[in-house]
């Protein structure tokens, strides 16, 4: 006797539809399973909840047609030929594809479930799957994807601002977030305090910040390390690693 794929909820009111209709329409659920019957059943359920759906009969098929820029999540079978679910998860992680993953499995494989969840999967559902469990996991994926989308947009905006900086302004930036005063920065870079003030002012204006605290937050998000005297060399034009003679003793 064929095992049922989906168990209908006994209480329709408990099936979560947290995401708004507009959000669901913009969110695509990518379903990957080598069983065509499972694909049809899951696709029918997910579409009935208002989500767009794309189905794939293999992990390789998904990789070849993955639309990275489309907001969505991945409902992924664990056991498939050629490339299984866990291997696909590992491949996506290597490619920095952060799309949320919901695993489905026909067996209660605890070690695999634990490994998948530790690697970032949202949930690990055993067949037969309840509507409530699947749609609940998808709702979590919607929330996670929304947060990830906001972070990506924020990082993209920061990257555009950083790209405006000249090489010298970018250099001054690392000194400023390290807490160095203009005089010390001038000594290390072999220039005048007045010049450093100009670079600093332009840098702050291009990054659209008014305070150093905001600058530190921005650079932390961008992964920019502050200047460290122990790990960095001075960038003097003459190649020297020591501050100029005129400012020794002043820093």
C-alpha atoms as a PDB file:
ATOM      1  CA  UNK A   1       0.000   0.000   0.000  1.00  0.00           C
ATOM      2  CA  UNK A   2       1.354   3.380  -0.978  1.00  0.00           C
ATOM      3  CA  UNK A   3       2.246   5.665   1.900  1.00  0.00           C
ATOM      4  CA  UNK A   4       0.320   8.918   2.053  1.00  0.00           C
ATOM      5  CA  UNK A   5       2.347  12.039   1.331  1.00  0.00           C
ATOM      6  CA  UNK A   6       0.162  14.623   3.091  1.00  0.00           C
ATOM      7  CA  UNK A   7      -2.163  14.294   6.058  1.00  0.00           C
ATOM      8  CA  UNK A   8      -4.948  16.865   5.976  1.00  0.00           C
ATOM      9  CA  UNK A   9      -5.309  18.950   9.102  1.00  0.00           C
ATOM     10  CA  UNK A  10      -8.271  18.076  11.297  1.00  0.00           C
ATOM     11  CA  UNK A  11      -8.681  21.729  12.205  1.00  0.00           C
ATOM     12  CA  UNK A  12      -8.350  24.065   9.211  1.00  0.00           C
ATOM     13  CA  UNK A  13      -8.183  27.070  11.515  1.00  0.00           C
ATOM     14  CA  UNK A  14      -4.899  25.792  12.913  1.00  0.00           C
ATOM     15  CA  UNK A  15      -3.201  25.705   9.501  1.00  0.00           C
ATOM     16  CA  UNK A  16      -1.036  28.848   9.637  1.00  0.00           C
ATOM     17  CA  UNK A  17      -1.387  31.464   6.909  1.00  0.00           C
ATOM     18  CA  UNK A  18       0.575  34.210   8.616  1.00  0.00           C
ATOM     19  CA  UNK A  19       2.090  35.799   5.517  1.00  0.00           C
ATOM     20  CA  UNK A  20      -0.077  38.316   3.703  1.00  0.00           C
ATOM     21  CA  UNK A  21      -1.580  37.472   0.321  1.00  0.00           C
ATOM     22  CA  UNK A  22       0.787  39.922  -1.401  1.00  0.00           C
ATOM     23  CA  UNK A  23       3.807  38.376   0.304  1.00  0.00           C
ATOM     24  CA  UNK A  24       2.753  34.860  -0.626  1.00  0.00           C
ATOM     25  CA  UNK A  25       2.316  35.845  -4.277  1.00  0.00           C
ATOM     26  CA  UNK A  26       5.881  37.214  -4.381  1.00  0.00           C
ATOM     27  CA  UNK A  27       7.364  34.193  -2.604  1.00  0.00           C
ATOM     28  CA  UNK A  28       8.218  31.060  -4.574  1.00  0.00           C
ATOM     29  CA  UNK A  29       8.416  27.595  -3.039  1.00  0.00           C
ATOM     30  CA  UNK A  30      10.892  25.422  -4.956  1.00  0.00           C
ATOM     31  CA  UNK A  31      10.071  21.738  -4.435  1.00  0.00           C
ATOM     32  CA  UNK A  32      12.655  19.060  -5.251  1.00  0.00           C
ATOM     33  CA  UNK A  33      11.691  15.370  -5.104  1.00  0.00           C
ATOM     34  CA  UNK A  34      12.337  12.458  -7.457  1.00  0.00           C
ATOM     35  CA  UNK A  35       8.819  11.085  -6.805  1.00  0.00           C
ATOM     36  CA  UNK A  36       6.407  12.733  -9.259  1.00  0.00           C
ATOM     37  CA  UNK A  37       3.448  11.869  -7.040  1.00  0.00           C
ATOM     38  CA  UNK A  38       5.008  13.714  -4.121  1.00  0.00           C
ATOM     39  CA  UNK A  39       5.818  16.684  -6.349  1.00  0.00           C
ATOM     40  CA  UNK A  40       2.208  16.964  -7.520  1.00  0.00           C
ATOM     41  CA  UNK A  41       0.748  16.594  -4.030  1.00  0.00           C
ATOM     42  CA  UNK A  42       3.063  19.127  -2.425  1.00  0.00           C
ATOM     43  CA  UNK A  43       2.716  21.584  -5.295  1.00  0.00           C
ATOM     44  CA  UNK A  44      -1.079  21.386  -5.090  1.00  0.00           C
ATOM     45  CA  UNK A  45      -1.053  22.066  -1.346  1.00  0.00           C
ATOM     46  CA  UNK A  46       1.417  24.949  -1.527  1.00  0.00           C
ATOM     47  CA  UNK A  47      -0.407  26.603  -4.439  1.00  0.00           C
ATOM     48  CA  UNK A  48      -3.693  26.332  -2.524  1.00  0.00           C
ATOM     49  CA  UNK A  49      -2.038  28.401   0.228  1.00  0.00           C
ATOM     50  CA  UNK A  50      -1.341  31.173  -2.297  1.00  0.00           C
ATOM     51  CA  UNK A  51       2.349  30.633  -3.027  1.00  0.00           C
ATOM     52  CA  UNK A  52       4.027  30.433  -6.413  1.00  0.00           C
ATOM     53  CA  UNK A  53       5.573  27.011  -6.984  1.00  0.00           C
ATOM     54  CA  UNK A  54       8.363  25.555  -9.095  1.00  0.00           C
ATOM     55  CA  UNK A  55       8.994  21.789  -9.078  1.00  0.00           C
ATOM     56  CA  UNK A  56      12.105  19.770  -9.929  1.00  0.00           C
ATOM     57  CA  UNK A  57      12.535  16.007 -10.135  1.00  0.00           C
ATOM     58  CA  UNK A  58      16.236  16.136  -9.244  1.00  0.00           C
ATOM     59  CA  UNK A  59      18.727  18.221  -7.319  1.00  0.00           C
ATOM     60  CA  UNK A  60      20.777  18.712 -10.474  1.00  0.00           C
ATOM     61  CA  UNK A  61      17.709  20.059 -12.251  1.00  0.00           C
ATOM     62  CA  UNK A  62      17.263  22.601  -9.480  1.00  0.00           C
ATOM     63  CA  UNK A  63      20.904  23.697  -9.621  1.00  0.00           C
ATOM     64  CA  UNK A  64      20.733  24.172 -13.384  1.00  0.00           C
ATOM     65  CA  UNK A  65      17.602  26.350 -13.129  1.00  0.00           C
ATOM     66  CA  UNK A  66      17.987  28.044  -9.747  1.00  0.00           C
ATOM     67  CA  UNK A  67      16.821  31.669  -9.867  1.00  0.00           C
ATOM     68  CA  UNK A  68      18.916  33.130  -7.075  1.00  0.00           C
ATOM     69  CA  UNK A  69      17.268  36.557  -7.205  1.00  0.00           C
ATOM     70  CA  UNK A  70      13.745  35.162  -6.735  1.00  0.00           C
ATOM     71  CA  UNK A  71      12.606  35.311  -3.087  1.00  0.00           C
ATOM     72  CA  UNK A  72      11.612  31.856  -1.897  1.00  0.00           C
ATOM     73  CA  UNK A  73      12.455  28.689  -0.029  1.00  0.00           C
ATOM     74  CA  UNK A  74      13.411  25.139  -0.942  1.00  0.00           C
ATOM     75  CA  UNK A  75      11.339  22.086   0.043  1.00  0.00           C
ATOM     76  CA  UNK A  76      13.858  19.317  -0.445  1.00  0.00           C
ATOM     77  CA  UNK A  77      13.679  15.527  -0.272  1.00  0.00           C
ATOM     78  CA  UNK A  78      16.612  13.926   1.520  1.00  0.00           C
ATOM     79  CA  UNK A  79      17.011  10.711  -0.477  1.00  0.00           C
ATOM     80  CA  UNK A  80      17.427  11.196  -4.228  1.00  0.00           C
ATOM     81  CA  UNK A  81      19.689   9.582  -6.828  1.00  0.00           C
ATOM     82  CA  UNK A  82      22.890  11.196  -8.127  1.00  0.00           C
ATOM     83  CA  UNK A  83      22.781  14.202  -5.786  1.00  0.00           C
ATOM     84  CA  UNK A  84      20.805  13.870  -2.558  1.00  0.00           C
ATOM     85  CA  UNK A  85      19.269  16.604  -0.416  1.00  0.00           C
ATOM     86  CA  UNK A  86      22.136  16.981   2.009  1.00  0.00           C
ATOM     87  CA  UNK A  87      24.637  17.172  -0.837  1.00  0.00           C
ATOM     88  CA  UNK A  88      22.541  19.884  -2.485  1.00  0.00           C
ATOM     89  CA  UNK A  89      22.413  21.798   0.794  1.00  0.00           C
ATOM     90  CA  UNK A  90      26.216  21.627   1.038  1.00  0.00           C
ATOM     91  CA  UNK A  91      26.589  22.793  -2.570  1.00  0.00           C
ATOM     92  CA  UNK A  92      24.309  25.782  -1.992  1.00  0.00           C
ATOM     93  CA  UNK A  93      26.203  26.743   1.163  1.00  0.00           C
ATOM     94  CA  UNK A  94      29.480  26.710  -0.793  1.00  0.00           C
ATOM     95  CA  UNK A  95      27.898  29.047  -3.345  1.00  0.00           C
ATOM     96  CA  UNK A  96      26.604  31.329  -0.553  1.00  0.00           C
ATOM     97  CA  UNK A  97      23.020  30.627  -1.608  1.00  0.00           C
ATOM     98  CA  UNK A  98      21.177  31.424   1.619  1.00  0.00           C
ATOM     99  CA  UNK A  99      17.712  30.335   0.447  1.00  0.00           C
ATOM    100  CA  UNK A 100      15.864  28.724   3.412  1.00  0.00           C
ATOM    101  CA  UNK A 101      15.585  24.928   3.199  1.00  0.00           C
ATOM    102  CA  UNK A 102      12.830  22.639   4.521  1.00  0.00           C
ATOM    103  CA  UNK A 103      13.752  18.962   4.350  1.00  0.00           C
ATOM    104  CA  UNK A 104      11.232  16.175   3.841  1.00  0.00           C
ATOM    105  CA  UNK A 105      11.999  12.501   4.345  1.00  0.00           C
ATOM    106  CA  UNK A 106      10.292   9.144   4.081  1.00  0.00           C
ATOM    107  CA  UNK A 107      12.313   7.813   7.014  1.00  0.00           C
ATOM    108  CA  UNK A 108      13.027   8.982  10.552  1.00  0.00           C
ATOM    109  CA  UNK A 109      16.758   9.503  10.115  1.00  0.00           C
ATOM    110  CA  UNK A 110      17.743  11.352  13.285  1.00  0.00           C
ATOM    111  CA  UNK A 111      21.481  11.824  12.519  1.00  0.00           C
ATOM    112  CA  UNK A 112      20.682  13.241   9.071  1.00  0.00           C
ATOM    113  CA  UNK A 113      17.998  15.516  10.527  1.00  0.00           C
ATOM    114  CA  UNK A 114      20.387  16.836  13.174  1.00  0.00           C
ATOM    115  CA  UNK A 115      23.121  17.463  10.590  1.00  0.00           C
ATOM    116  CA  UNK A 116      20.695  19.250   8.253  1.00  0.00           C
ATOM    117  CA  UNK A 117      19.382  21.501  11.015  1.00  0.00           C
ATOM    118  CA  UNK A 118      22.893  22.324  12.226  1.00  0.00           C
ATOM    119  CA  UNK A 119      23.743  23.330   8.660  1.00  0.00           C
ATOM    120  CA  UNK A 120      20.891  25.855   8.714  1.00  0.00           C
ATOM    121  CA  UNK A 121      17.763  24.027   7.564  1.00  0.00           C
ATOM    122  CA  UNK A 122      14.505  25.454   8.910  1.00  0.00           C
ATOM    123  CA  UNK A 123      12.837  22.097   9.563  1.00  0.00           C
ATOM    124  CA  UNK A 124      13.055  18.372   8.876  1.00  0.00           C
ATOM    125  CA  UNK A 125       9.633  16.868   8.196  1.00  0.00           C
ATOM    126  CA  UNK A 126       8.864  13.153   7.993  1.00  0.00           C
ATOM    127  CA  UNK A 127       6.279  11.818   5.535  1.00  0.00           C
ATOM    128  CA  UNK A 128       3.322  11.806   5.718  1.00  0.00           C
ATOM    129  CA  UNK A 129       3.510  15.569   6.170  1.00  0.00           C
ATOM    130  CA  UNK A 130       0.719  17.557   7.777  1.00  0.00           C
ATOM    131  CA  UNK A 131      -0.521  20.754   6.180  1.00  0.00           C
ATOM    132  CA  UNK A 132       0.103  22.572   9.413  1.00  0.00           C
ATOM    133  CA  UNK A 133       3.734  21.434   9.642  1.00  0.00           C
ATOM    134  CA  UNK A 134       4.597  22.250   6.034  1.00  0.00           C
ATOM    135  CA  UNK A 135       2.819  25.598   5.835  1.00  0.00           C
ATOM    136  CA  UNK A 136       4.156  26.540   9.262  1.00  0.00           C
ATOM    137  CA  UNK A 137       7.707  25.842   8.106  1.00  0.00           C
ATOM    138  CA  UNK A 138       7.121  27.844   4.925  1.00  0.00           C
ATOM    139  CA  UNK A 139       5.870  30.784   6.979  1.00  0.00           C
ATOM    140  CA  UNK A 140       9.092  30.689   8.983  1.00  0.00           C
ATOM    141  CA  UNK A 141      10.987  30.642   5.682  1.00  0.00           C
ATOM    142  CA  UNK A 142       9.056  33.727   4.530  1.00  0.00           C
ATOM    143  CA  UNK A 143      10.075  35.606   7.663  1.00  0.00           C
ATOM    144  CA  UNK A 144      13.690  34.477   7.375  1.00  0.00           C
ATOM    145  CA  UNK A 145      13.894  35.399   3.705  1.00  0.00           C
ATOM    146  CA  UNK A 146      12.433  38.845   4.451  1.00  0.00           C
ATOM    147  CA  UNK A 147      15.131  39.487   7.044  1.00  0.00           C
ATOM    148  CA  UNK A 148      17.836  38.183   4.703  1.00  0.00           C
ATOM    149  CA  UNK A 149      16.506  40.384   1.917  1.00  0.00           C
ATOM    150  CA  UNK A 150      16.690  43.449   4.152  1.00  0.00           C
ATOM    151  CA  UNK A 151      20.251  42.571   5.144  1.00  0.00           C
ATOM    152  CA  UNK A 152      21.283  42.054   1.521  1.00  0.00           C
ATOM    153  CA  UNK A 153      19.759  45.387   0.543  1.00  0.00           C
ATOM    154  CA  UNK A 154      21.515  47.101   3.443  1.00  0.00           C
ATOM    155  CA  UNK A 155      24.884  45.567   2.549  1.00  0.00           C
ATOM    156  CA  UNK A 156      24.418  46.492  -1.099  1.00  0.00           C
ATOM    157  CA  UNK A 157      23.737  50.106  -0.120  1.00  0.00           C
ATOM    158  CA  UNK A 158      26.825  50.154   2.104  1.00  0.00           C
ATOM    159  CA  UNK A 159      28.962  48.680  -0.681  1.00  0.00           C
ATOM    160  CA  UNK A 160      27.799  51.387  -3.077  1.00  0.00           C
ATOM    161  CA  UNK A 161      28.779  54.064  -0.560  1.00  0.00           C
ATOM    162  CA  UNK A 162      32.182  52.500   0.114  1.00  0.00           C
ATOM    163  CA  UNK A 163      32.858  52.342  -3.619  1.00  0.00           C
ATOM    164  CA  UNK A 164      32.711  56.147  -3.694  1.00  0.00           C
ATOM    165  CA  UNK A 165      35.782  56.456  -1.463  1.00  0.00           C
ATOM    166  CA  UNK A 166      39.210  57.209  -2.862  1.00  0.00           C
ATOM    167  CA  UNK A 167      42.042  54.854  -1.796  1.00  0.00           C
ATOM    168  CA  UNK A 168      43.298  57.450   0.688  1.00  0.00           C
ATOM    169  CA  UNK A 169      39.808  58.042   2.127  1.00  0.00           C
ATOM    170  CA  UNK A 170      39.386  54.293   2.574  1.00  0.00           C
ATOM    171  CA  UNK A 171      42.714  54.211   4.385  1.00  0.00           C
ATOM    172  CA  UNK A 172      41.742  57.066   6.672  1.00  0.00           C
ATOM    173  CA  UNK A 173      38.478  55.247   7.389  1.00  0.00           C
ATOM    174  CA  UNK A 174      40.323  52.310   8.989  1.00  0.00           C
ATOM    175  CA  UNK A 175      42.288  54.661  11.224  1.00  0.00           C
ATOM    176  CA  UNK A 176      39.180  56.565  12.301  1.00  0.00           C
ATOM    177  CA  UNK A 177      37.228  53.462  13.319  1.00  0.00           C
ATOM    178  CA  UNK A 178      40.305  52.339  15.268  1.00  0.00           C
ATOM    179  CA  UNK A 179      39.914  55.471  17.385  1.00  0.00           C
ATOM    180  CA  UNK A 180      42.982  57.356  16.159  1.00  0.00           C
ATOM    181  CA  UNK A 181      43.022  61.143  16.218  1.00  0.00           C
ATOM    182  CA  UNK A 182      43.790  63.228  13.153  1.00  0.00           C
ATOM    183  CA  UNK A 183      47.342  64.017  14.281  1.00  0.00           C
ATOM    184  CA  UNK A 184      48.272  60.355  14.689  1.00  0.00           C
ATOM    185  CA  UNK A 185      46.699  59.474  11.340  1.00  0.00           C
ATOM    186  CA  UNK A 186      48.685  62.264   9.688  1.00  0.00           C
ATOM    187  CA  UNK A 187      51.894  60.977  11.252  1.00  0.00           C
ATOM    188  CA  UNK A 188      51.279  57.415  10.102  1.00  0.00           C
ATOM    189  CA  UNK A 189      50.370  58.463   6.568  1.00  0.00           C
ATOM    190  CA  UNK A 190      53.118  61.057   6.247  1.00  0.00           C
ATOM    191  CA  UNK A 191      50.900  64.033   5.587  1.00  0.00           C
ATOM    192  CA  UNK A 192      49.442  67.037   7.390  1.00  0.00           C
ATOM    193  CA  UNK A 193      46.601  67.216   9.870  1.00  0.00           C
ATOM    194  CA  UNK A 194      44.791  69.605   7.531  1.00  0.00           C
ATOM    195  CA  UNK A 195      44.922  67.042   4.715  1.00  0.00           C
ATOM    196  CA  UNK A 196      43.614  64.307   7.011  1.00  0.00           C
ATOM    197  CA  UNK A 197      40.730  66.554   8.060  1.00  0.00           C
ATOM    198  CA  UNK A 198      39.797  67.013   4.393  1.00  0.00           C
ATOM    199  CA  UNK A 199      39.937  63.272   3.696  1.00  0.00           C
ATOM    200  CA  UNK A 200      37.974  62.538   6.854  1.00  0.00           C
ATOM    201  CA  UNK A 201      35.277  65.077   6.033  1.00  0.00           C
ATOM    202  CA  UNK A 202      34.849  63.753   2.487  1.00  0.00           C
ATOM    203  CA  UNK A 203      34.803  60.166   3.720  1.00  0.00           C
ATOM    204  CA  UNK A 204      32.077  60.879   6.274  1.00  0.00           C
ATOM    205  CA  UNK A 205      30.024  62.775   3.695  1.00  0.00           C
ATOM    206  CA  UNK A 206      30.270  60.016   1.085  1.00  0.00           C
ATOM    207  CA  UNK A 207      29.257  57.393   3.640  1.00  0.00           C
ATOM    208  CA  UNK A 208      26.399  59.641   4.813  1.00  0.00           C
ATOM    209  CA  UNK A 209      27.257  59.463   8.514  1.00  0.00           C
ATOM    210  CA  UNK A 210      27.746  62.236  11.036  1.00  0.00           C
ATOM    211  CA  UNK A 211      29.236  60.424  14.010  1.00  0.00           C
ATOM    212  CA  UNK A 212      32.079  57.945  14.470  1.00  0.00           C
ATOM    213  CA  UNK A 213      29.721  55.562  16.288  1.00  0.00           C
ATOM    214  CA  UNK A 214      27.605  55.313  13.121  1.00  0.00           C
ATOM    215  CA  UNK A 215      30.741  54.843  11.077  1.00  0.00           C
ATOM    216  CA  UNK A 216      31.819  51.929  13.282  1.00  0.00           C
ATOM    217  CA  UNK A 217      28.409  50.261  12.881  1.00  0.00           C
ATOM    218  CA  UNK A 218      28.572  50.644   9.110  1.00  0.00           C
ATOM    219  CA  UNK A 219      32.053  49.164   8.825  1.00  0.00           C
ATOM    220  CA  UNK A 220      31.181  46.259  11.121  1.00  0.00           C
ATOM    221  CA  UNK A 221      28.330  45.328   8.785  1.00  0.00           C
ATOM    222  CA  UNK A 222      30.662  45.600   5.800  1.00  0.00           C
ATOM    223  CA  UNK A 223      33.343  43.499   7.499  1.00  0.00           C
ATOM    224  CA  UNK A 224      35.988  46.247   7.440  1.00  0.00           C
ATOM    225  CA  UNK A 225      38.697  45.807  10.068  1.00  0.00           C
ATOM    226  CA  UNK A 226      40.057  48.853  11.933  1.00  0.00           C
ATOM    227  CA  UNK A 227      43.721  49.712  11.590  1.00  0.00           C
ATOM    228  CA  UNK A 228      45.852  47.728  14.029  1.00  0.00           C
ATOM    229  CA  UNK A 229      49.358  48.959  14.822  1.00  0.00           C
ATOM    230  CA  UNK A 230      50.543  45.417  15.516  1.00  0.00           C
ATOM    231  CA  UNK A 231      49.302  43.883  12.290  1.00  0.00           C
ATOM    232  CA  UNK A 232      49.634  46.725   9.802  1.00  0.00           C
ATOM    233  CA  UNK A 233      52.459  48.695   8.257  1.00  0.00           C
ATOM    234  CA  UNK A 234      52.412  52.386   7.539  1.00  0.00           C
ATOM    235  CA  UNK A 235      51.548  53.186   3.940  1.00  0.00           C
ATOM    236  CA  UNK A 236      54.073  55.946   3.455  1.00  0.00           C
ATOM    237  CA  UNK A 237      54.910  56.653  -0.144  1.00  0.00           C
ATOM    238  CA  UNK A 238      58.600  56.042   0.508  1.00  0.00           C
ATOM    239  CA  UNK A 239      57.899  52.506   1.740  1.00  0.00           C
ATOM    240  CA  UNK A 240      58.964  53.255   5.313  1.00  0.00           C
ATOM    241  CA  UNK A 241      57.172  51.401   8.092  1.00  0.00           C
ATOM    242  CA  UNK A 242      57.926  54.122  10.661  1.00  0.00           C
ATOM    243  CA  UNK A 243      56.151  57.487  11.153  1.00  0.00           C
ATOM    244  CA  UNK A 244      58.004  60.469   9.645  1.00  0.00           C
ATOM    245  CA  UNK A 245      60.757  62.037  11.728  1.00  0.00           C
ATOM    246  CA  UNK A 246      58.763  65.245  12.278  1.00  0.00           C
ATOM    247  CA  UNK A 247      56.015  63.555  14.256  1.00  0.00           C
ATOM    248  CA  UNK A 248      57.986  61.127  16.399  1.00  0.00           C
ATOM    249  CA  UNK A 249      57.174  61.654  20.026  1.00  0.00           C
ATOM    250  CA  UNK A 250      53.854  63.317  19.187  1.00  0.00           C
ATOM    251  CA  UNK A 251      51.797  60.089  18.894  1.00  0.00           C
END
